[in-house]
Amino acid sequence: MKILVVDDSPTMRDITSSTLRAADYEVLEAEHGEEGLKVLSNTPVDLIISDLNMYKMGGFEFVSRVRALPEYEYTPIMFLTTEDSDDFKRVGREVGASGWMVKPFEPKELIKVVKKLAQ
């Protein structure tokens, strides 16, 4: 399974990607939404994990634009963010997010959620 991790924090991108690679997932990385769209245009992925608050293009816009692409209409997309308000989660669902997880995360929990979304 190929997963795209989009996060403007190099540390969080590394932690998330390392956790996924340790569970035998193939991981691609992007620093923000614009870069994430470029990655998706070149390489198909099976699941996307995105931060919410990023420069250049934030998570809500990124997910909205991904959902507009026919090949990613049904691809699972999870927000991995520090935001945990119901309003943010509601908007996340409205733009097309499949799941939501709050940072910091437990590695086992991340893998559990990824497995669930990948079904």
N, C-alpha and C. Protein backbone atom coordinates (compact mmCIF):
# COMPACT_ATOMS: atom_id res chain seq x y z
N MET A 1 0.84 -1.17 0.00
CA MET A 1 0.00 0.00 0.00
C MET A 1 0.89 1.24 0.00
N LYS A 2 0.53 2.21 -0.84
CA LYS A 2 1.30 3.44 -0.96
C LYS A 2 0.52 4.59 -0.28
N ILE A 3 1.20 5.29 0.63
CA ILE A 3 0.58 6.36 1.41
C ILE A 3 1.33 7.67 1.17
N LEU A 4 0.58 8.75 0.95
CA LEU A 4 1.16 10.08 0.85
C LEU A 4 0.98 10.79 2.18
N VAL A 5 2.09 11.29 2.75
CA VAL A 5 2.06 12.07 3.99
C VAL A 5 2.35 13.52 3.63
N VAL A 6 1.40 14.42 3.98
CA VAL A 6 1.54 15.84 3.67
C VAL A 6 1.57 16.61 4.98
N ASP A 7 2.72 17.22 5.28
CA ASP A 7 2.87 17.97 6.54
C ASP A 7 4.02 18.94 6.37
N ASP A 8 3.82 20.19 6.80
CA ASP A 8 4.88 21.19 6.63
C ASP A 8 5.95 21.12 7.72
N SER A 9 5.74 20.29 8.72
CA SER A 9 6.75 20.11 9.75
C SER A 9 7.64 18.92 9.37
N PRO A 10 8.93 19.18 9.10
CA PRO A 10 9.82 18.07 8.75
C PRO A 10 9.86 16.99 9.83
N THR A 11 9.79 17.40 11.08
CA THR A 11 9.84 16.45 12.19
C THR A 11 8.61 15.55 12.19
N MET A 12 7.43 16.16 12.05
CA MET A 12 6.20 15.35 12.05
C MET A 12 6.12 14.47 10.81
N ARG A 13 6.57 15.00 9.68
CA ARG A 13 6.58 14.20 8.45
C ARG A 13 7.48 12.98 8.65
N ASP A 14 8.64 13.19 9.26
CA ASP A 14 9.58 12.10 9.50
C ASP A 14 9.02 11.07 10.48
N ILE A 15 8.42 11.54 11.57
CA ILE A 15 7.85 10.63 12.57
C ILE A 15 6.72 9.80 11.96
N THR A 16 5.84 10.48 11.23
CA THR A 16 4.71 9.79 10.61
C THR A 16 5.19 8.78 9.57
N SER A 17 6.08 9.23 8.70
CA SER A 17 6.60 8.35 7.65
C SER A 17 7.36 7.16 8.22
N SER A 18 8.17 7.41 9.23
CA SER A 18 8.93 6.32 9.87
C SER A 18 8.01 5.29 10.49
N THR A 19 6.95 5.76 11.14
CA THR A 19 5.97 4.86 11.75
C THR A 19 5.32 3.97 10.68
N LEU A 20 4.95 4.59 9.57
CA LEU A 20 4.31 3.84 8.49
C LEU A 20 5.27 2.86 7.82
N ARG A 21 6.50 3.31 7.59
CA ARG A 21 7.49 2.43 6.96
C ARG A 21 7.81 1.23 7.85
N ALA A 22 7.84 1.44 9.16
CA ALA A 22 8.11 0.34 10.09
C ALA A 22 7.00 -0.71 10.03
N ALA A 23 5.81 -0.29 9.57
CA ALA A 23 4.69 -1.23 9.42
C ALA A 23 4.59 -1.73 7.97
N ASP A 24 5.66 -1.54 7.21
CA ASP A 24 5.77 -2.04 5.84
C ASP A 24 4.90 -1.34 4.81
N TYR A 25 4.60 -0.07 5.04
CA TYR A 25 3.90 0.73 4.03
C TYR A 25 4.93 1.49 3.21
N GLU A 26 4.62 1.70 1.94
CA GLU A 26 5.44 2.55 1.09
C GLU A 26 4.94 3.98 1.30
N VAL A 27 5.86 4.92 1.53
CA VAL A 27 5.47 6.28 1.88
C VAL A 27 6.09 7.30 0.93
N LEU A 28 5.25 8.21 0.48
CA LEU A 28 5.68 9.39 -0.26
C LEU A 28 5.42 10.59 0.63
N GLU A 29 6.20 11.65 0.46
CA GLU A 29 6.05 12.82 1.33
C GLU A 29 5.88 14.09 0.52
N ALA A 30 5.15 15.05 1.12
CA ALA A 30 5.00 16.38 0.55
C ALA A 30 4.98 17.38 1.70
N GLU A 31 5.51 18.57 1.43
CA GLU A 31 5.66 19.60 2.47
C GLU A 31 4.40 20.44 2.68
N HIS A 32 3.53 20.51 1.68
CA HIS A 32 2.30 21.30 1.77
C HIS A 32 1.35 20.81 0.68
N GLY A 33 0.14 21.37 0.66
CA GLY A 33 -0.86 20.91 -0.28
C GLY A 33 -0.48 21.01 -1.74
N GLU A 34 0.16 22.12 -2.12
CA GLU A 34 0.57 22.27 -3.53
C GLU A 34 1.51 21.14 -3.95
N GLU A 35 2.47 20.86 -3.08
CA GLU A 35 3.42 19.79 -3.38
C GLU A 35 2.71 18.43 -3.37
N GLY A 36 1.75 18.27 -2.48
CA GLY A 36 0.98 17.04 -2.43
C GLY A 36 0.24 16.78 -3.73
N LEU A 37 -0.35 17.83 -4.31
CA LEU A 37 -1.05 17.67 -5.59
C LEU A 37 -0.09 17.28 -6.70
N LYS A 38 1.12 17.83 -6.66
CA LYS A 38 2.13 17.46 -7.67
C LYS A 38 2.51 15.99 -7.53
N VAL A 39 2.69 15.52 -6.30
CA VAL A 39 3.02 14.12 -6.09
C VAL A 39 1.89 13.24 -6.63
N LEU A 40 0.64 13.60 -6.33
CA LEU A 40 -0.50 12.80 -6.78
C LEU A 40 -0.63 12.78 -8.29
N SER A 41 -0.19 13.83 -8.95
CA SER A 41 -0.30 13.87 -10.41
C SER A 41 0.73 12.95 -11.07
N ASN A 42 1.78 12.60 -10.33
CA ASN A 42 2.84 11.74 -10.87
C ASN A 42 2.78 10.29 -10.40
N THR A 43 2.22 10.07 -9.21
CA THR A 43 2.25 8.74 -8.61
C THR A 43 0.92 8.45 -7.92
N PRO A 44 0.24 7.38 -8.30
CA PRO A 44 -1.00 7.04 -7.61
C PRO A 44 -0.73 6.53 -6.20
N VAL A 45 -1.61 6.89 -5.27
CA VAL A 45 -1.48 6.42 -3.89
C VAL A 45 -2.79 5.78 -3.45
N ASP A 46 -2.71 5.01 -2.38
CA ASP A 46 -3.88 4.30 -1.86
C ASP A 46 -4.52 4.99 -0.68
N LEU A 47 -3.78 5.88 -0.02
CA LEU A 47 -4.28 6.58 1.17
C LEU A 47 -3.48 7.86 1.32
N ILE A 48 -4.12 8.90 1.86
CA ILE A 48 -3.47 10.19 2.07
C ILE A 48 -3.64 10.59 3.53
N ILE A 49 -2.54 11.04 4.14
CA ILE A 49 -2.56 11.59 5.50
C ILE A 49 -2.08 13.03 5.39
N SER A 50 -2.91 13.96 5.84
CA SER A 50 -2.57 15.37 5.69
C SER A 50 -2.70 16.14 6.99
N ASP A 51 -1.78 17.06 7.19
CA ASP A 51 -1.90 18.05 8.26
C ASP A 51 -3.00 19.02 7.84
N LEU A 52 -3.45 19.83 8.77
CA LEU A 52 -4.48 20.82 8.46
C LEU A 52 -3.87 22.19 8.20
N ASN A 53 -3.06 22.66 9.15
CA ASN A 53 -2.48 24.00 9.06
C ASN A 53 -1.11 23.95 8.41
N MET A 54 -1.07 24.33 7.12
CA MET A 54 0.18 24.35 6.37
C MET A 54 0.25 25.62 5.54
N TYR A 55 1.46 26.05 5.23
CA TYR A 55 1.62 27.22 4.37
C TYR A 55 1.38 26.82 2.91
N LYS A 56 1.27 27.76 2.04
CA LYS A 56 1.00 27.61 0.59
C LYS A 56 -0.39 27.07 0.32
N MET A 57 -0.72 25.92 0.86
CA MET A 57 -2.07 25.36 0.73
C MET A 57 -2.36 24.50 1.93
N GLY A 58 -3.37 24.90 2.69
CA GLY A 58 -3.74 24.18 3.89
C GLY A 58 -4.49 22.90 3.59
N GLY A 59 -4.76 22.15 4.64
CA GLY A 59 -5.37 20.84 4.51
C GLY A 59 -6.77 20.84 3.92
N PHE A 60 -7.63 21.78 4.33
CA PHE A 60 -8.99 21.80 3.81
C PHE A 60 -8.99 22.01 2.30
N GLU A 61 -8.22 22.99 1.82
CA GLU A 61 -8.16 23.23 0.39
C GLU A 61 -7.54 22.03 -0.34
N PHE A 62 -6.48 21.48 0.23
CA PHE A 62 -5.83 20.32 -0.37
C PHE A 62 -6.82 19.17 -0.55
N VAL A 63 -7.55 18.82 0.50
CA VAL A 63 -8.49 17.71 0.44
C VAL A 63 -9.60 18.01 -0.56
N SER A 64 -10.10 19.23 -0.57
CA SER A 64 -11.14 19.61 -1.53
C SER A 64 -10.65 19.41 -2.96
N ARG A 65 -9.42 19.82 -3.23
CA ARG A 65 -8.87 19.69 -4.58
C ARG A 65 -8.58 18.23 -4.94
N VAL A 66 -8.15 17.44 -3.95
CA VAL A 66 -7.94 16.02 -4.21
C VAL A 66 -9.27 15.35 -4.54
N ARG A 67 -10.31 15.66 -3.80
CA ARG A 67 -11.62 15.05 -4.03
C ARG A 67 -12.19 15.43 -5.40
N ALA A 68 -11.75 16.53 -5.97
CA ALA A 68 -12.21 16.94 -7.30
C ALA A 68 -11.55 16.13 -8.41
N LEU A 69 -10.51 15.38 -8.07
CA LEU A 69 -9.82 14.55 -9.06
C LEU A 69 -10.54 13.19 -9.13
N PRO A 70 -11.04 12.82 -10.31
CA PRO A 70 -11.81 11.56 -10.40
C PRO A 70 -11.08 10.33 -9.85
N GLU A 71 -9.77 10.26 -10.04
CA GLU A 71 -9.04 9.08 -9.58
C GLU A 71 -8.90 9.02 -8.05
N TYR A 72 -9.22 10.12 -7.36
CA TYR A 72 -9.10 10.14 -5.89
C TYR A 72 -10.44 10.40 -5.20
N GLU A 73 -11.51 10.22 -5.95
CA GLU A 73 -12.85 10.46 -5.40
C GLU A 73 -13.13 9.60 -4.17
N TYR A 74 -12.63 8.36 -4.18
CA TYR A 74 -12.91 7.43 -3.09
C TYR A 74 -11.68 7.02 -2.28
N THR A 75 -10.56 7.66 -2.54
CA THR A 75 -9.33 7.34 -1.79
C THR A 75 -9.48 7.81 -0.34
N PRO A 76 -9.16 6.97 0.62
CA PRO A 76 -9.23 7.41 2.02
C PRO A 76 -8.24 8.56 2.28
N ILE A 77 -8.74 9.58 2.98
CA ILE A 77 -7.92 10.73 3.36
C ILE A 77 -8.13 10.99 4.85
N MET A 78 -7.03 11.04 5.58
CA MET A 78 -7.11 11.27 7.02
C MET A 78 -6.36 12.55 7.37
N PHE A 79 -6.98 13.36 8.23
CA PHE A 79 -6.27 14.50 8.79
C PHE A 79 -5.52 14.05 10.03
N LEU A 80 -4.26 14.43 10.11
CA LEU A 80 -3.43 14.21 11.29
C LEU A 80 -2.97 15.60 11.71
N THR A 81 -3.59 16.14 12.77
CA THR A 81 -3.44 17.54 13.09
C THR A 81 -3.52 17.79 14.60
N THR A 82 -3.12 18.97 15.02
CA THR A 82 -3.26 19.36 16.43
C THR A 82 -4.66 19.87 16.73
N GLU A 83 -5.43 20.15 15.70
CA GLU A 83 -6.79 20.68 15.87
C GLU A 83 -7.74 19.55 16.25
N ASP A 84 -8.59 19.81 17.26
CA ASP A 84 -9.52 18.75 17.65
C ASP A 84 -10.93 19.25 17.93
N SER A 85 -11.26 20.46 17.47
CA SER A 85 -12.60 20.99 17.73
C SER A 85 -13.62 20.33 16.81
N ASP A 86 -14.85 20.28 17.27
CA ASP A 86 -15.92 19.70 16.48
C ASP A 86 -16.13 20.48 15.18
N ASP A 87 -15.94 21.80 15.23
CA ASP A 87 -16.11 22.62 14.02
C ASP A 87 -15.09 22.24 12.95
N PHE A 88 -13.83 22.06 13.35
CA PHE A 88 -12.81 21.64 12.39
C PHE A 88 -13.14 20.26 11.82
N LYS A 89 -13.57 19.36 12.68
CA LYS A 89 -13.90 18.01 12.22
C LYS A 89 -15.09 18.03 11.27
N ARG A 90 -16.08 18.89 11.54
CA ARG A 90 -17.24 19.00 10.66
C ARG A 90 -16.81 19.48 9.28
N VAL A 91 -15.98 20.53 9.24
CA VAL A 91 -15.48 21.03 7.95
C VAL A 91 -14.65 19.95 7.25
N GLY A 92 -13.86 19.23 8.02
CA GLY A 92 -13.08 18.14 7.46
C GLY A 92 -13.95 17.11 6.75
N ARG A 93 -15.05 16.74 7.39
CA ARG A 93 -15.98 15.79 6.76
C ARG A 93 -16.60 16.40 5.51
N GLU A 94 -16.95 17.69 5.59
CA GLU A 94 -17.58 18.37 4.45
C GLU A 94 -16.67 18.41 3.23
N VAL A 95 -15.37 18.58 3.44
CA VAL A 95 -14.45 18.63 2.28
C VAL A 95 -14.05 17.25 1.80
N GLY A 96 -14.37 16.22 2.58
CA GLY A 96 -14.13 14.86 2.09
C GLY A 96 -13.18 14.00 2.89
N ALA A 97 -12.82 14.42 4.10
CA ALA A 97 -11.92 13.59 4.91
C ALA A 97 -12.63 12.32 5.37
N SER A 98 -11.90 11.24 5.39
CA SER A 98 -12.42 9.94 5.82
C SER A 98 -12.17 9.69 7.30
N GLY A 99 -11.16 10.38 7.86
CA GLY A 99 -10.80 10.16 9.26
C GLY A 99 -10.07 11.36 9.82
N TRP A 100 -9.88 11.35 11.14
CA TRP A 100 -9.26 12.47 11.86
C TRP A 100 -8.49 11.90 13.03
N MET A 101 -7.26 12.32 13.18
CA MET A 101 -6.45 11.89 14.32
C MET A 101 -5.68 13.10 14.83
N VAL A 102 -5.57 13.20 16.15
CA VAL A 102 -4.93 14.36 16.77
C VAL A 102 -3.48 14.04 17.11
N LYS A 103 -2.60 15.00 16.80
CA LYS A 103 -1.18 14.92 17.18
C LYS A 103 -1.05 15.38 18.62
N PRO A 104 -0.08 14.90 19.35
CA PRO A 104 0.81 13.80 18.99
C PRO A 104 0.04 12.49 19.00
N PHE A 105 0.56 11.51 18.30
CA PHE A 105 -0.14 10.24 18.17
C PHE A 105 0.73 9.10 18.70
N GLU A 106 0.05 8.04 19.05
CA GLU A 106 0.72 6.79 19.42
C GLU A 106 0.92 6.00 18.13
N PRO A 107 2.12 5.52 17.85
CA PRO A 107 2.35 4.78 16.61
C PRO A 107 1.35 3.64 16.37
N LYS A 108 1.04 2.87 17.40
CA LYS A 108 0.11 1.75 17.24
C LYS A 108 -1.28 2.24 16.84
N GLU A 109 -1.68 3.39 17.38
CA GLU A 109 -2.99 3.95 17.03
C GLU A 109 -3.02 4.40 15.57
N LEU A 110 -1.94 5.03 15.12
CA LEU A 110 -1.88 5.46 13.72
C LEU A 110 -2.02 4.26 12.79
N ILE A 111 -1.29 3.21 13.06
CA ILE A 111 -1.35 2.01 12.22
C ILE A 111 -2.75 1.39 12.26
N LYS A 112 -3.36 1.39 13.43
CA LYS A 112 -4.71 0.85 13.57
C LYS A 112 -5.70 1.63 12.70
N VAL A 113 -5.61 2.96 12.72
CA VAL A 113 -6.51 3.81 11.93
C VAL A 113 -6.23 3.62 10.44
N VAL A 114 -4.97 3.55 10.07
CA VAL A 114 -4.60 3.34 8.65
C VAL A 114 -5.18 2.02 8.16
N LYS A 115 -5.05 0.97 8.94
CA LYS A 115 -5.60 -0.34 8.55
C LYS A 115 -7.11 -0.27 8.37
N LYS A 116 -7.76 0.44 9.28
CA LYS A 116 -9.21 0.57 9.21
C LYS A 116 -9.63 1.34 7.95
N LEU A 117 -8.95 2.43 7.66
CA LEU A 117 -9.28 3.24 6.48
C LEU A 117 -8.98 2.50 5.18
N ALA A 118 -8.00 1.62 5.22
CA ALA A 118 -7.57 0.91 4.00
C ALA A 118 -8.51 -0.24 3.63
N GLN A 119 -9.44 -0.58 4.47
CA GLN A 119 -10.34 -1.71 4.20
C GLN A 119 -11.30 -1.39 3.08
